[in-house]
C-alpha atoms as a PDB file:
ATOM      1  CA  MET A   1       7.501 -17.095 -49.909  1.00  0.00           C
ATOM      2  CA  LYS A   2       5.026 -17.639 -47.463  1.00  0.00           C
ATOM      3  CA  LYS A   3       7.216 -18.222 -44.641  1.00  0.00           C
ATOM      4  CA  ALA A   4       9.281 -15.140 -45.669  1.00  0.00           C
ATOM      5  CA  GLY A   5       5.803 -13.063 -45.500  1.00  0.00           C
ATOM      6  CA  LYS A   6       4.891 -14.401 -42.285  1.00  0.00           C
ATOM      7  CA  PHE A   7       8.354 -13.560 -40.710  1.00  0.00           C
ATOM      8  CA  PHE A   8       7.988 -10.026 -41.978  1.00  0.00           C
ATOM      9  CA  THR A   9       4.451  -9.766 -40.609  1.00  0.00           C
ATOM     10  CA  VAL A  10       5.655 -10.922 -36.947  1.00  0.00           C
ATOM     11  CA  LEU A  11       8.781  -8.411 -37.392  1.00  0.00           C
ATOM     12  CA  PHE A  12       6.512  -5.600 -38.174  1.00  0.00           C
ATOM     13  CA  ILE A  13       4.226  -6.209 -35.375  1.00  0.00           C
ATOM     14  CA  SER A  14       7.019  -6.530 -33.039  1.00  0.00           C
ATOM     15  CA  LEU A  15       8.390  -3.407 -34.064  1.00  0.00           C
ATOM     16  CA  VAL A  16       5.123  -1.569 -33.924  1.00  0.00           C
ATOM     17  CA  MET A  17       4.758  -3.062 -30.056  1.00  0.00           C
ATOM     18  CA  LEU A  18       8.410  -1.958 -29.460  1.00  0.00           C
ATOM     19  CA  SER A  19       7.484   1.546 -30.570  1.00  0.00           C
ATOM     20  CA  PHE A  20       4.527   1.757 -28.521  1.00  0.00           C
ATOM     21  CA  LEU A  21       6.200   0.673 -25.465  1.00  0.00           C
ATOM     22  CA  SER A  22       9.147   2.892 -25.759  1.00  0.00           C
ATOM     23  CA  CYS A  23       6.724   5.926 -25.786  1.00  0.00           C
ATOM     24  CA  GLY A  24       5.938   4.744 -21.972  1.00  0.00           C
ATOM     25  CA  LYS A  25       3.163   6.189 -20.012  1.00  0.00           C
ATOM     26  CA  LYS A  26       1.647   9.767 -20.494  1.00  0.00           C
ATOM     27  CA  SER A  27       2.532  11.672 -17.348  1.00  0.00           C
ATOM     28  CA  SER A  28      -1.143  11.934 -16.255  1.00  0.00           C
ATOM     29  CA  GLU A  29      -1.603   8.061 -16.371  1.00  0.00           C
ATOM     30  CA  TYR A  30       0.692   7.864 -13.166  1.00  0.00           C
ATOM     31  CA  PHE A  31      -1.754   9.664 -11.063  1.00  0.00           C
ATOM     32  CA  LYS A  32      -4.758   7.561 -10.559  1.00  0.00           C
ATOM     33  CA  LEU A  33      -5.313   8.793  -7.023  1.00  0.00           C
ATOM     34  CA  TRP A  34      -5.114  12.691  -7.733  1.00  0.00           C
ATOM     35  CA  ASN A  35      -7.785  15.164  -8.885  1.00  0.00           C
ATOM     36  CA  ASP A  36      -7.161  17.528 -11.752  1.00  0.00           C
ATOM     37  CA  CYS A  37      -5.390  20.250  -9.683  1.00  0.00           C
ATOM     38  CA  ASP A  38      -2.781  23.029  -9.838  1.00  0.00           C
ATOM     39  CA  SER A  39      -0.183  21.255  -7.760  1.00  0.00           C
ATOM     40  CA  LEU A  40      -0.055  18.169 -10.036  1.00  0.00           C
ATOM     41  CA  LYS A  41       0.101  20.264 -13.129  1.00  0.00           C
ATOM     42  CA  ALA A  42       2.920  22.361 -11.828  1.00  0.00           C
ATOM     43  CA  LEU A  43       4.846  18.998 -10.794  1.00  0.00           C
ATOM     44  CA  ILE A  44       4.044  17.493 -14.452  1.00  0.00           C
ATOM     45  CA  GLU A  45       4.999  20.618 -16.399  1.00  0.00           C
ATOM     46  CA  TYR A  46       8.223  21.091 -14.437  1.00  0.00           C
ATOM     47  CA  VAL A  47       9.273  17.409 -15.028  1.00  0.00           C
ATOM     48  CA  GLU A  48       8.577  17.510 -18.638  1.00  0.00           C
ATOM     49  CA  ASP A  49      10.337  20.696 -19.000  1.00  0.00           C
ATOM     50  CA  VAL A  50      13.634  19.501 -17.251  1.00  0.00           C
ATOM     51  CA  THR A  51      13.711  16.241 -19.122  1.00  0.00           C
ATOM     52  CA  ASP A  52      13.304  17.603 -22.313  1.00  0.00           C
ATOM     53  CA  LYS A  53      16.760  17.446 -24.122  1.00  0.00           C
ATOM     54  CA  LYS A  54      15.492  20.310 -26.358  1.00  0.00           C
ATOM     55  CA  SER A  55      14.578  22.489 -23.392  1.00  0.00           C
ATOM     56  CA  PRO A  56      16.868  25.282 -21.962  1.00  0.00           C
ATOM     57  CA  ASN A  57      15.993  24.152 -18.435  1.00  0.00           C
ATOM     58  CA  TYR A  58      17.133  20.374 -19.124  1.00  0.00           C
ATOM     59  CA  ILE A  59      18.829  18.630 -16.220  1.00  0.00           C
ATOM     60  CA  PRO A  60      21.048  15.885 -16.804  1.00  0.00           C
ATOM     61  CA  VAL A  61      19.888  12.398 -15.126  1.00  0.00           C
ATOM     62  CA  GLU A  62      22.847  12.589 -12.562  1.00  0.00           C
ATOM     63  CA  ASP A  63      21.492  15.844 -11.271  1.00  0.00           C
ATOM     64  CA  ARG A  64      18.073  15.212 -10.948  1.00  0.00           C
ATOM     65  CA  ILE A  65      18.042  14.972  -7.054  1.00  0.00           C
ATOM     66  CA  VAL A  66      14.842  15.112  -5.043  1.00  0.00           C
ATOM     67  CA  THR A  67      14.508  15.584  -1.276  1.00  0.00           C
ATOM     68  CA  PHE A  68      11.297  14.312   0.511  1.00  0.00           C
ATOM     69  CA  ASP A  69      10.484  14.873   4.282  1.00  0.00           C
ATOM     70  CA  MET A  70       8.728  11.869   5.809  1.00  0.00           C
ATOM     71  CA  ASP A  71       6.269  12.457   8.435  1.00  0.00           C
ATOM     72  CA  GLY A  72       3.303  14.471   7.314  1.00  0.00           C
ATOM     73  CA  THR A  73       4.692  14.345   3.677  1.00  0.00           C
ATOM     74  CA  PHE A  74       4.061  10.787   2.560  1.00  0.00           C
ATOM     75  CA  ILE A  75       3.248   8.869   5.710  1.00  0.00           C
ATOM     76  CA  GLY A  76       0.547   9.699   8.199  1.00  0.00           C
ATOM     77  CA  GLU A  77       1.453  12.019  11.150  1.00  0.00           C
ATOM     78  CA  LEU A  78      -1.769  13.253  12.691  1.00  0.00           C
ATOM     79  CA  TYR A  79      -2.935  10.008  14.667  1.00  0.00           C
ATOM     80  CA  PRO A  80      -2.322  12.152  16.570  1.00  0.00           C
ATOM     81  CA  SER A  81       1.439  12.442  16.658  1.00  0.00           C
ATOM     82  CA  TYR A  82       4.610  11.355  15.076  1.00  0.00           C
ATOM     83  CA  PHE A  83       5.289   7.650  14.666  1.00  0.00           C
ATOM     84  CA  GLU A  84       8.516   8.155  16.648  1.00  0.00           C
ATOM     85  CA  TYR A  85       6.843  10.050  19.461  1.00  0.00           C
ATOM     86  CA  ASN A  86       4.240   7.212  19.529  1.00  0.00           C
ATOM     87  CA  ILE A  87       6.602   4.497  19.835  1.00  0.00           C
ATOM     88  CA  LEU A  88       8.685   6.341  22.470  1.00  0.00           C
ATOM     89  CA  GLU A  89       5.647   6.679  24.702  1.00  0.00           C
ATOM     90  CA  TYR A  90       5.012   3.029  24.330  1.00  0.00           C
ATOM     91  CA  ARG A  91       8.786   2.071  25.020  1.00  0.00           C
ATOM     92  CA  VAL A  92       8.992   4.272  28.136  1.00  0.00           C
ATOM     93  CA  LEU A  93       5.408   4.039  29.487  1.00  0.00           C
ATOM     94  CA  ASP A  94       4.072   0.471  28.424  1.00  0.00           C
ATOM     95  CA  ASP A  95       6.795  -1.853  27.272  1.00  0.00           C
ATOM     96  CA  PRO A  96       6.727  -4.520  30.115  1.00  0.00           C
ATOM     97  CA  ASP A  97      10.353  -5.240  29.219  1.00  0.00           C
ATOM     98  CA  TYR A  98      11.826  -1.698  29.454  1.00  0.00           C
ATOM     99  CA  LYS A  99       9.517   0.611  31.577  1.00  0.00           C
ATOM    100  CA  ASP A 100      10.992  -0.210  34.752  1.00  0.00           C
ATOM    101  CA  ARG A 101      14.290   1.100  33.657  1.00  0.00           C
ATOM    102  CA  ALA A 102      13.560   4.222  32.075  1.00  0.00           C
ATOM    103  CA  SER A 103      15.223   7.299  33.329  1.00  0.00           C
ATOM    104  CA  GLU A 104      13.686  10.544  34.487  1.00  0.00           C
ATOM    105  CA  SER A 105      14.220  12.478  31.360  1.00  0.00           C
ATOM    106  CA  GLU A 106      12.707   9.627  29.224  1.00  0.00           C
ATOM    107  CA  LEU A 107       9.630   9.606  31.556  1.00  0.00           C
ATOM    108  CA  PHE A 108       9.398  13.477  31.201  1.00  0.00           C
ATOM    109  CA  ALA A 109       9.366  13.166  27.467  1.00  0.00           C
ATOM    110  CA  ALA A 110       7.107  10.138  27.349  1.00  0.00           C
ATOM    111  CA  ASN A 111       4.562  11.894  29.593  1.00  0.00           C
ATOM    112  CA  ALA A 112       4.535  15.053  27.769  1.00  0.00           C
ATOM    113  CA  ILE A 113       3.639  12.973  24.638  1.00  0.00           C
ATOM    114  CA  ARG A 114       0.960  11.094  26.436  1.00  0.00           C
ATOM    115  CA  ASP A 115      -0.580  14.339  27.977  1.00  0.00           C
ATOM    116  CA  PHE A 116      -0.477  16.114  24.387  1.00  0.00           C
ATOM    117  CA  VAL A 117      -2.125  12.950  22.891  1.00  0.00           C
ATOM    118  CA  ARG A 118      -4.831  12.239  25.436  1.00  0.00           C
ATOM    119  CA  ASN A 119      -5.416  15.486  27.135  1.00  0.00           C
ATOM    120  CA  GLY A 120      -4.685  18.361  24.362  1.00  0.00           C
ATOM    121  CA  LYS A 121      -1.899  19.741  26.376  1.00  0.00           C
ATOM    122  CA  PRO A 122       0.841  21.656  24.547  1.00  0.00           C
ATOM    123  CA  LEU A 123       4.411  20.075  24.356  1.00  0.00           C
ATOM    124  CA  PRO A 124       7.063  21.858  26.310  1.00  0.00           C
ATOM    125  CA  ASP A 125       9.194  24.242  24.433  1.00  0.00           C
ATOM    126  CA  HIS A 126      11.982  23.041  22.553  1.00  0.00           C
ATOM    127  CA  PHE A 127      10.342  19.598  22.544  1.00  0.00           C
ATOM    128  CA  ASP A 128      12.187  18.286  19.464  1.00  0.00           C
ATOM    129  CA  LEU A 129      15.472  18.102  21.430  1.00  0.00           C
ATOM    130  CA  ILE A 130      13.945  16.858  24.527  1.00  0.00           C
ATOM    131  CA  HIS A 131      12.290  13.998  22.569  1.00  0.00           C
ATOM    132  CA  ALA A 132      15.525  13.303  20.764  1.00  0.00           C
ATOM    133  CA  ARG A 133      17.638  13.168  23.777  1.00  0.00           C
ATOM    134  CA  ALA A 134      15.099  10.858  25.561  1.00  0.00           C
ATOM    135  CA  ALA A 135      14.969   8.654  22.417  1.00  0.00           C
ATOM    136  CA  ALA A 136      18.703   8.218  22.441  1.00  0.00           C
ATOM    137  CA  LYS A 137      18.500   6.878  25.940  1.00  0.00           C
ATOM    138  CA  ALA A 138      15.588   4.807  25.299  1.00  0.00           C
ATOM    139  CA  TYR A 139      16.944   2.508  22.571  1.00  0.00           C
ATOM    140  CA  ALA A 140      20.680   2.649  23.935  1.00  0.00           C
ATOM    141  CA  GLY A 141      22.331  -0.708  23.952  1.00  0.00           C
ATOM    142  CA  MET A 142      20.266  -2.189  20.802  1.00  0.00           C
ATOM    143  CA  THR A 143      22.135  -3.419  17.787  1.00  0.00           C
ATOM    144  CA  ILE A 144      21.034  -1.844  14.477  1.00  0.00           C
ATOM    145  CA  PRO A 145      19.218  -5.412  13.756  1.00  0.00           C
ATOM    146  CA  GLU A 146      17.581  -5.343  17.112  1.00  0.00           C
ATOM    147  CA  PHE A 147      16.061  -1.834  16.765  1.00  0.00           C
ATOM    148  CA  ASP A 148      15.133  -2.405  13.246  1.00  0.00           C
ATOM    149  CA  ALA A 149      12.928  -5.579  14.507  1.00  0.00           C
ATOM    150  CA  TYR A 150      11.629  -3.564  17.596  1.00  0.00           C
ATOM    151  CA  VAL A 151      10.341  -0.718  15.101  1.00  0.00           C
ATOM    152  CA  LYS A 152       8.895  -3.189  12.621  1.00  0.00           C
ATOM    153  CA  ASN A 153       7.182  -5.067  15.294  1.00  0.00           C
ATOM    154  CA  PHE A 154       5.444  -1.874  16.443  1.00  0.00           C
ATOM    155  CA  GLU A 155       4.652  -0.535  13.223  1.00  0.00           C
ATOM    156  CA  LYS A 156       2.369  -3.813  12.805  1.00  0.00           C
ATOM    157  CA  ARG A 157      -0.245  -1.938  15.328  1.00  0.00           C
ATOM    158  CA  THR A 158      -3.161  -0.134  13.987  1.00  0.00           C
ATOM    159  CA  PRO A 159      -2.773   3.759  14.550  1.00  0.00           C
ATOM    160  CA  ASN A 160      -4.943   5.190  17.047  1.00  0.00           C
ATOM    161  CA  GLY A 161      -7.938   6.921  15.488  1.00  0.00           C
ATOM    162  CA  PHE A 162      -7.963   4.620  12.206  1.00  0.00           C
ATOM    163  CA  GLU A 163      -9.472   1.268  10.895  1.00  0.00           C
ATOM    164  CA  GLY A 164      -8.211  -0.712   8.058  1.00  0.00           C
ATOM    165  CA  MET A 165      -4.518  -0.166   8.076  1.00  0.00           C
ATOM    166  CA  THR A 166      -1.380  -0.614  10.272  1.00  0.00           C
ATOM    167  CA  TYR A 167       1.365   1.991  10.842  1.00  0.00           C
ATOM    168  CA  ALA A 168       3.322   0.264   8.249  1.00  0.00           C
ATOM    169  CA  GLU A 169       0.741   0.794   5.554  1.00  0.00           C
ATOM    170  CA  SER A 170      -0.160   4.405   6.780  1.00  0.00           C
ATOM    171  CA  PHE A 171       1.577   5.925   3.582  1.00  0.00           C
ATOM    172  CA  TYR A 172      -0.319   8.735   1.658  1.00  0.00           C
ATOM    173  CA  LYS A 173      -1.085   6.775  -1.697  1.00  0.00           C
ATOM    174  CA  PRO A 174      -1.112   9.753  -3.923  1.00  0.00           C
ATOM    175  CA  MET A 175       2.562  10.460  -2.853  1.00  0.00           C
ATOM    176  CA  LEU A 176       3.735   7.044  -3.720  1.00  0.00           C
ATOM    177  CA  GLU A 177       2.627   7.683  -7.200  1.00  0.00           C
ATOM    178  CA  VAL A 178       4.804  10.682  -7.150  1.00  0.00           C
ATOM    179  CA  PHE A 179       7.577   8.384  -6.117  1.00  0.00           C
ATOM    180  CA  ASP A 180       6.927   6.206  -9.203  1.00  0.00           C
ATOM    181  CA  TYR A 181       6.551   9.137 -11.516  1.00  0.00           C
ATOM    182  CA  LEU A 182       9.853  10.609 -10.720  1.00  0.00           C
ATOM    183  CA  THR A 183      11.886   7.339 -10.632  1.00  0.00           C
ATOM    184  CA  ALA A 184      10.305   6.664 -14.258  1.00  0.00           C
ATOM    185  CA  ASN A 185      11.685   9.864 -15.302  1.00  0.00           C
ATOM    186  CA  ASN A 186      15.223   9.121 -13.845  1.00  0.00           C
ATOM    187  CA  PHE A 187      15.130  11.196 -10.740  1.00  0.00           C
ATOM    188  CA  THR A 188      16.974   9.903  -7.485  1.00  0.00           C
ATOM    189  CA  PHE A 189      14.913  10.959  -4.202  1.00  0.00           C
ATOM    190  CA  TYR A 190      16.070  10.857  -0.777  1.00  0.00           C
ATOM    191  CA  VAL A 191      14.113  10.803   2.440  1.00  0.00           C
ATOM    192  CA  ILE A 192      15.236  13.728   4.798  1.00  0.00           C
ATOM    193  CA  SER A 193      13.413  13.457   7.934  1.00  0.00           C
ATOM    194  CA  GLY A 194      13.594  14.886  11.555  1.00  0.00           C
ATOM    195  CA  SER A 195      12.876  11.248  12.619  1.00  0.00           C
ATOM    196  CA  ASP A 196      15.539   8.717  13.731  1.00  0.00           C
ATOM    197  CA  ARG A 197      17.281   7.585  10.632  1.00  0.00           C
ATOM    198  CA  PHE A 198      16.836   3.795  11.466  1.00  0.00           C
ATOM    199  CA  ILE A 199      13.249   4.503  12.218  1.00  0.00           C
ATOM    200  CA  CYS A 200      12.715   5.907   8.829  1.00  0.00           C
ATOM    201  CA  ARG A 201      14.479   3.124   7.257  1.00  0.00           C
ATOM    202  CA  ALA A 202      12.253   0.521   8.916  1.00  0.00           C
ATOM    203  CA  LEU A 203       9.259   2.508   7.853  1.00  0.00           C
ATOM    204  CA  VAL A 204      10.187   2.860   3.998  1.00  0.00           C
ATOM    205  CA  ASP A 205      12.008  -0.651   3.783  1.00  0.00           C
ATOM    206  CA  SER A 206       8.396  -1.965   2.340  1.00  0.00           C
ATOM    207  CA  LEU A 207       8.764   0.833  -0.465  1.00  0.00           C
ATOM    208  CA  GLY A 208      12.008  -0.618  -1.644  1.00  0.00           C
ATOM    209  CA  ILE A 209      13.829   2.661  -0.656  1.00  0.00           C
ATOM    210  CA  GLU A 210      17.403   1.798  -0.202  1.00  0.00           C
ATOM    211  CA  PRO A 211      18.884   2.525   3.300  1.00  0.00           C
ATOM    212  CA  ASN A 212      21.662   4.762   1.666  1.00  0.00           C
ATOM    213  CA  ARG A 213      18.732   7.144   0.526  1.00  0.00           C
ATOM    214  CA  VAL A 214      17.686   7.941   3.988  1.00  0.00           C
ATOM    215  CA  ILE A 215      18.789  10.642   6.135  1.00  0.00           C
ATOM    216  CA  GLY A 216      17.476  11.532   9.714  1.00  0.00           C
ATOM    217  CA  MET A 217      18.407  12.147  13.349  1.00  0.00           C
ATOM    218  CA  ASP A 218      21.377  10.457  14.497  1.00  0.00           C
ATOM    219  CA  VAL A 219      22.950   8.936  17.521  1.00  0.00           C
ATOM    220  CA  LEU A 220      26.416   7.634  18.147  1.00  0.00           C
ATOM    221  CA  LEU A 221      27.204   4.109  17.248  1.00  0.00           C
ATOM    222  CA  LYS A 222      29.942   2.155  18.779  1.00  0.00           C
ATOM    223  CA  SER A 223      31.123  -1.358  19.136  1.00  0.00           C
ATOM    224  CA  ASP A 224      30.157  -3.660  21.843  1.00  0.00           C
ATOM    225  CA  ASN A 225      33.696  -4.276  22.521  1.00  0.00           C
ATOM    226  CA  GLN A 226      35.117  -0.657  22.184  1.00  0.00           C
ATOM    227  CA  GLY A 227      34.702   0.389  25.831  1.00  0.00           C
ATOM    228  CA  ASP A 228      35.689   4.126  26.498  1.00  0.00           C
ATOM    229  CA  ASP A 229      38.161   4.154  23.674  1.00  0.00           C
ATOM    230  CA  GLU A 230      37.374   6.474  20.892  1.00  0.00           C
ATOM    231  CA  GLY A 231      36.438   5.178  17.452  1.00  0.00           C
ATOM    232  CA  VAL A 232      39.744   6.252  15.932  1.00  0.00           C
ATOM    233  CA  ASN A 233      41.567   4.377  18.582  1.00  0.00           C
ATOM    234  CA  TYR A 234      39.569   0.994  18.330  1.00  0.00           C
ATOM    235  CA  THR A 235      39.774  -1.536  15.422  1.00  0.00           C
ATOM    236  CA  TYR A 236      36.385  -3.117  14.868  1.00  0.00           C
ATOM    237  CA  LYS A 237      36.771  -6.891  14.940  1.00  0.00           C
ATOM    238  CA  THR A 238      34.555  -9.570  12.926  1.00  0.00           C
ATOM    239  CA  THR A 239      32.941 -10.622  16.066  1.00  0.00           C
ATOM    240  CA  ASP A 240      31.973  -6.983  17.110  1.00  0.00           C
ATOM    241  CA  ARG A 241      28.278  -5.538  16.753  1.00  0.00           C
ATOM    242  CA  LEU A 242      27.402  -1.837  16.457  1.00  0.00           C
ATOM    243  CA  LEU A 243      25.317  -0.585  19.150  1.00  0.00           C
ATOM    244  CA  ARG A 244      23.188   2.556  19.519  1.00  0.00           C
ATOM    245  CA  THR A 245      24.400   4.771  22.319  1.00  0.00           C
ATOM    246  CA  ASP A 246      22.637   7.461  24.394  1.00  0.00           C
ATOM    247  CA  VAL A 247      24.551  10.234  22.663  1.00  0.00           C
ATOM    248  CA  LEU A 248      22.533  12.504  20.330  1.00  0.00           C
ATOM    249  CA  LEU A 249      24.646  13.627  17.190  1.00  0.00           C
ATOM    250  CA  ILE A 250      21.883  15.506  15.457  1.00  0.00           C
ATOM    251  CA  LYS A 251      18.496  16.357  15.231  1.00  0.00           C
ATOM    252  CA  ASN A 252      17.737  16.657  11.547  1.00  0.00           C
ATOM    253  CA  LEU A 253      15.554  19.811  11.335  1.00  0.00           C
ATOM    254  CA  LYS A 254      15.568  23.045   9.638  1.00  0.00           C
ATOM    255  CA  THR A 255      19.168  24.062   8.637  1.00  0.00           C
ATOM    256  CA  ASN A 256      20.473  20.732   9.949  1.00  0.00           C
ATOM    257  CA  LYS A 257      18.807  19.257   7.172  1.00  0.00           C
ATOM    258  CA  VAL A 258      20.334  21.528   4.665  1.00  0.00           C
ATOM    259  CA  LYS A 259      23.903  20.648   6.361  1.00  0.00           C
ATOM    260  CA  ASN A 260      23.175  16.917   6.001  1.00  0.00           C
ATOM    261  CA  ILE A 261      21.840  17.096   2.450  1.00  0.00           C
ATOM    262  CA  ALA A 262      25.288  18.796   1.300  1.00  0.00           C
ATOM    263  CA  GLN A 263      27.406  16.345   3.327  1.00  0.00           C
ATOM    264  CA  GLU A 264      25.809  13.369   2.477  1.00  0.00           C
ATOM    265  CA  ILE A 265      24.330  13.874  -0.972  1.00  0.00           C
ATOM    266  CA  GLY A 266      26.824  16.603  -2.313  1.00  0.00           C
ATOM    267  CA  LYS A 267      24.531  18.000  -4.749  1.00  0.00           C
ATOM    268  CA  VAL A 268      21.755  20.922  -4.515  1.00  0.00           C
ATOM    269  CA  PRO A 269      18.236  19.318  -4.827  1.00  0.00           C
ATOM    270  CA  VAL A 270      16.012  20.476  -7.915  1.00  0.00           C
ATOM    271  CA  LEU A 271      12.992  19.067  -6.297  1.00  0.00           C
ATOM    272  CA  SER A 272      12.100  19.330  -2.736  1.00  0.00           C
ATOM    273  CA  PHE A 273       8.726  18.174  -0.850  1.00  0.00           C
ATOM    274  CA  GLY A 274       7.740  18.833   2.740  1.00  0.00           C
ATOM    275  CA  ASN A 275       4.802  19.750   5.031  1.00  0.00           C
ATOM    276  CA  SER A 276       5.891  21.803   7.612  1.00  0.00           C
ATOM    277  CA  GLY A 277       8.252  24.864   8.963  1.00  0.00           C
ATOM    278  CA  GLY A 278      11.022  22.281   9.684  1.00  0.00           C
ATOM    279  CA  ASP A 279      11.389  21.838   5.927  1.00  0.00           C
ATOM    280  CA  SER A 280      11.509  25.122   4.859  1.00  0.00           C
ATOM    281  CA  ALA A 281      15.371  25.608   5.108  1.00  0.00           C
ATOM    282  CA  MET A 282      15.680  22.124   2.688  1.00  0.00           C
ATOM    283  CA  HIS A 283      13.220  24.030   0.452  1.00  0.00           C
ATOM    284  CA  ASN A 284      14.956  27.300   0.492  1.00  0.00           C
ATOM    285  CA  TYR A 285      18.196  25.337  -0.454  1.00  0.00           C
ATOM    286  CA  CYS A 286      16.394  23.675  -3.238  1.00  0.00           C
ATOM    287  CA  LEU A 287      15.160  26.967  -4.570  1.00  0.00           C
ATOM    288  CA  ALA A 288      18.511  28.844  -4.371  1.00  0.00           C
ATOM    289  CA  ASN A 289      19.932  26.214  -6.823  1.00  0.00           C
ATOM    290  CA  THR A 290      21.958  28.382  -9.197  1.00  0.00           C
ATOM    291  CA  LYS A 291      22.561  25.877 -11.876  1.00  0.00           C
ATOM    292  CA  TYR A 292      19.320  24.324 -12.564  1.00  0.00           C
ATOM    293  CA  LYS A 293      15.364  25.305 -12.522  1.00  0.00           C
ATOM    294  CA  SER A 294      14.081  24.011  -9.111  1.00  0.00           C
ATOM    295  CA  ARG A 295      10.794  23.578  -7.241  1.00  0.00           C
ATOM    296  CA  ALA A 296       9.566  23.281  -3.720  1.00  0.00           C
ATOM    297  CA  PHE A 297       6.175  21.545  -2.768  1.00  0.00           C
ATOM    298  CA  MET A 298       4.327  21.907   0.715  1.00  0.00           C
ATOM    299  CA  LEU A 299       1.597  19.483   1.752  1.00  0.00           C
ATOM    300  CA  ILE A 300      -1.246  21.008   3.964  1.00  0.00           C
ATOM    301  CA  ALA A 301      -3.237  18.852   6.321  1.00  0.00           C
ATOM    302  CA  ASP A 302      -6.549  20.185   5.241  1.00  0.00           C
ATOM    303  CA  ASP A 303      -8.852  17.063   5.084  1.00  0.00           C
ATOM    304  CA  ASP A 304     -10.507  16.747   8.615  1.00  0.00           C
ATOM    305  CA  GLU A 305     -12.980  14.296   7.371  1.00  0.00           C
ATOM    306  CA  ASP A 306     -10.441  11.484   6.300  1.00  0.00           C
ATOM    307  CA  ASP A 307      -7.711  12.481   8.527  1.00  0.00           C
ATOM    308  CA  HIS A 308      -7.137  13.963  11.953  1.00  0.00           C
ATOM    309  CA  ALA A 309      -6.428  17.373  10.745  1.00  0.00           C
ATOM    310  CA  ASN A 310      -6.503  20.982  11.776  1.00  0.00           C
ATOM    311  CA  ARG A 311      -8.221  22.456   8.719  1.00  0.00           C
ATOM    312  CA  GLU A 312      -8.111  26.239   9.991  1.00  0.00           C
ATOM    313  CA  LYS A 313      -4.453  26.099  10.647  1.00  0.00           C
ATOM    314  CA  ALA A 314      -3.654  24.158   7.457  1.00  0.00           C
ATOM    315  CA  LEU A 315      -5.329  26.817   5.324  1.00  0.00           C
ATOM    316  CA  LYS A 316      -3.373  29.621   7.225  1.00  0.00           C
ATOM    317  CA  LEU A 317      -0.045  27.419   6.635  1.00  0.00           C
ATOM    318  CA  GLY A 318      -1.094  26.950   3.231  1.00  0.00           C
ATOM    319  CA  GLN A 319      -1.260  30.867   2.489  1.00  0.00           C
ATOM    320  CA  GLN A 320       2.190  31.258   4.226  1.00  0.00           C
ATOM    321  CA  TRP A 321       3.584  28.596   2.073  1.00  0.00           C
ATOM    322  CA  LYS A 322       2.582  30.410  -1.085  1.00  0.00           C
ATOM    323  CA  GLU A 323       3.840  33.529  -0.084  1.00  0.00           C
ATOM    324  CA  ALA A 324       7.449  31.856   0.572  1.00  0.00           C
ATOM    325  CA  GLY A 325       7.229  30.504  -3.130  1.00  0.00           C
ATOM    326  CA  TYR A 326       6.232  26.727  -2.551  1.00  0.00           C
ATOM    327  CA  VAL A 327       3.477  25.248  -4.513  1.00  0.00           C
ATOM    328  CA  VAL A 328       0.928  23.945  -2.112  1.00  0.00           C
ATOM    329  CA  ILE A 329      -0.577  20.291  -2.244  1.00  0.00           C
ATOM    330  CA  SER A 330      -4.040  20.270  -0.436  1.00  0.00           C
ATOM    331  CA  MET A 331      -4.748  16.751   0.778  1.00  0.00           C
ATOM    332  CA  ARG A 332      -8.482  17.528   0.815  1.00  0.00           C
ATOM    333  CA  ASP A 333      -8.839  19.108  -2.544  1.00  0.00           C
ATOM    334  CA  ASP A 334      -5.918  17.489  -4.582  1.00  0.00           C
ATOM    335  CA  PHE A 335      -6.186  13.832  -3.426  1.00  0.00           C
ATOM    336  CA  LYS A 336      -8.878  11.405  -4.256  1.00  0.00           C
ATOM    337  CA  THR A 337      -7.941   9.374  -1.054  1.00  0.00           C
ATOM    338  CA  ILE A 338      -5.264   9.477   1.406  1.00  0.00           C
ATOM    339  CA  TYR A 339      -4.727   6.158   2.810  1.00  0.00           C
ATOM    340  CA  GLY A 340      -7.076   3.989   0.628  1.00  0.00           C
ATOM    341  CA  GLU A 341     -10.553   3.470   0.460  1.00  0.00           C
ATOM    342  CA  ASN A 342     -10.511   0.748   3.094  1.00  0.00           C
ATOM    343  CA  VAL A 343      -9.254   3.095   5.739  1.00  0.00           C
ATOM    344  CA  LYS A 344     -11.572   4.863   8.000  1.00  0.00           C
ATOM    345  CA  LYS A 345     -11.124   7.742  10.452  1.00  0.00           C
ATOM    346  CA  VAL A 346     -12.534   6.980  13.816  1.00  0.00           C
ATOM    347  CA  ASP A 347     -12.482   8.387  17.373  1.00  0.00           C
ATOM    348  CA  PHE A 348      -9.360   8.088  19.690  1.00  0.00           C
ATOM    349  CA  LYS A 349      -9.638   5.358  22.119  1.00  0.00           C
ATOM    350  CA  PHE A 350      -7.254   5.294  25.101  1.00  0.00           C
END
C-alpha cells in the first residue's frame, strides 16, 4: 500500500508539472528587453488573436508567414552605413589582396561610400543599383564557401562608432525576442533584405536561421567549368564548383521584394517588419492579404544617445509610417537596450 501511495503521489506531481509546462510562457514573459509600449501590445494582441482557434481571425500554422527586413530592422545600420557598404569599401579600397584589381565602377562606388561616411557627402542618385553592380564585380570569381568565409572574417571587426561588440554581434536584442516569440507561436519567418543574399546568410547564421529562409540581392552563379555556355546547355559535374559572377540579377528592394516573396515563398505574409521606404511595398503586400488578418511594423531609429541616429528625421518618418497604416516601433521609447548594456556608442575614428 505504501508503494502504491508513493507511486500515485509521484504520478500526481508529474501530471501537475506537465500541466504547468504545457501552459508555456505568458506572452509578456518573452519580452525582457521591451518597455510597456503600444507597439508591443499591438504585436501580442495580434498573435494571441490569430493563434486562438476560437477566434474568427484564426490562422492555421502553415499560413503564419512573417517577413523581416534585415538592415535597420534587426541588425545595426547606422554605423554609419549598411554592412554591405562597409565591406565593399574595405574590399575595393583597403583589402591588400584585391584593391589593385578593382575596376573604375567599383572604385567609384567605394569612394562614394567613403565620402558619405567620412565627409557627410550625399550618395549619388540611384546608388542602390550603382553599389549592387559594383559589388557583383568585386566578389566575382569567389565560390560560395569562399565568399561566406570572407564575410564572416570581416564581421569579426568592431563597427566604427561603437565599443563592446563586433559586426557579428550587432543585432537589436529586443528584436531577437520577437523571433523567439513568433517561433514559439508557430510562425515561420523569412529575412527579406536589399543586401546580398549570401551576406545576409553569413550574418544570420549565428541566429540559427536556415539559408532557405533568406532572400536578398542576387548575382548570377555559374560553374567554374561552364565557360560561355548557358546553364541550360551545361551539365554540372561532381568536380565542379559554383562561382559568383559579375552579373547582377536583382536588387531586392521595393516591389522586387514583393516579387521575390511571391516567387520563393508562394504565400502572402500575415506579418511584416521593416524600417525604411524600401520595405513599404513588402508591408503593403502583407496588409493587402485578403485571406487573413495582417499587421505591418516599422522601426524608427530615433535613439541618438545609444545609436548613431537622426532623431528629427526618424520622427518625421514615424508619422509618415503611422499614416500609411503601419505600427511604429520607437527604438528609444520601446527598447530597454538596443545592442546590450556592455555596448557603448563612441565617436567615429578614421
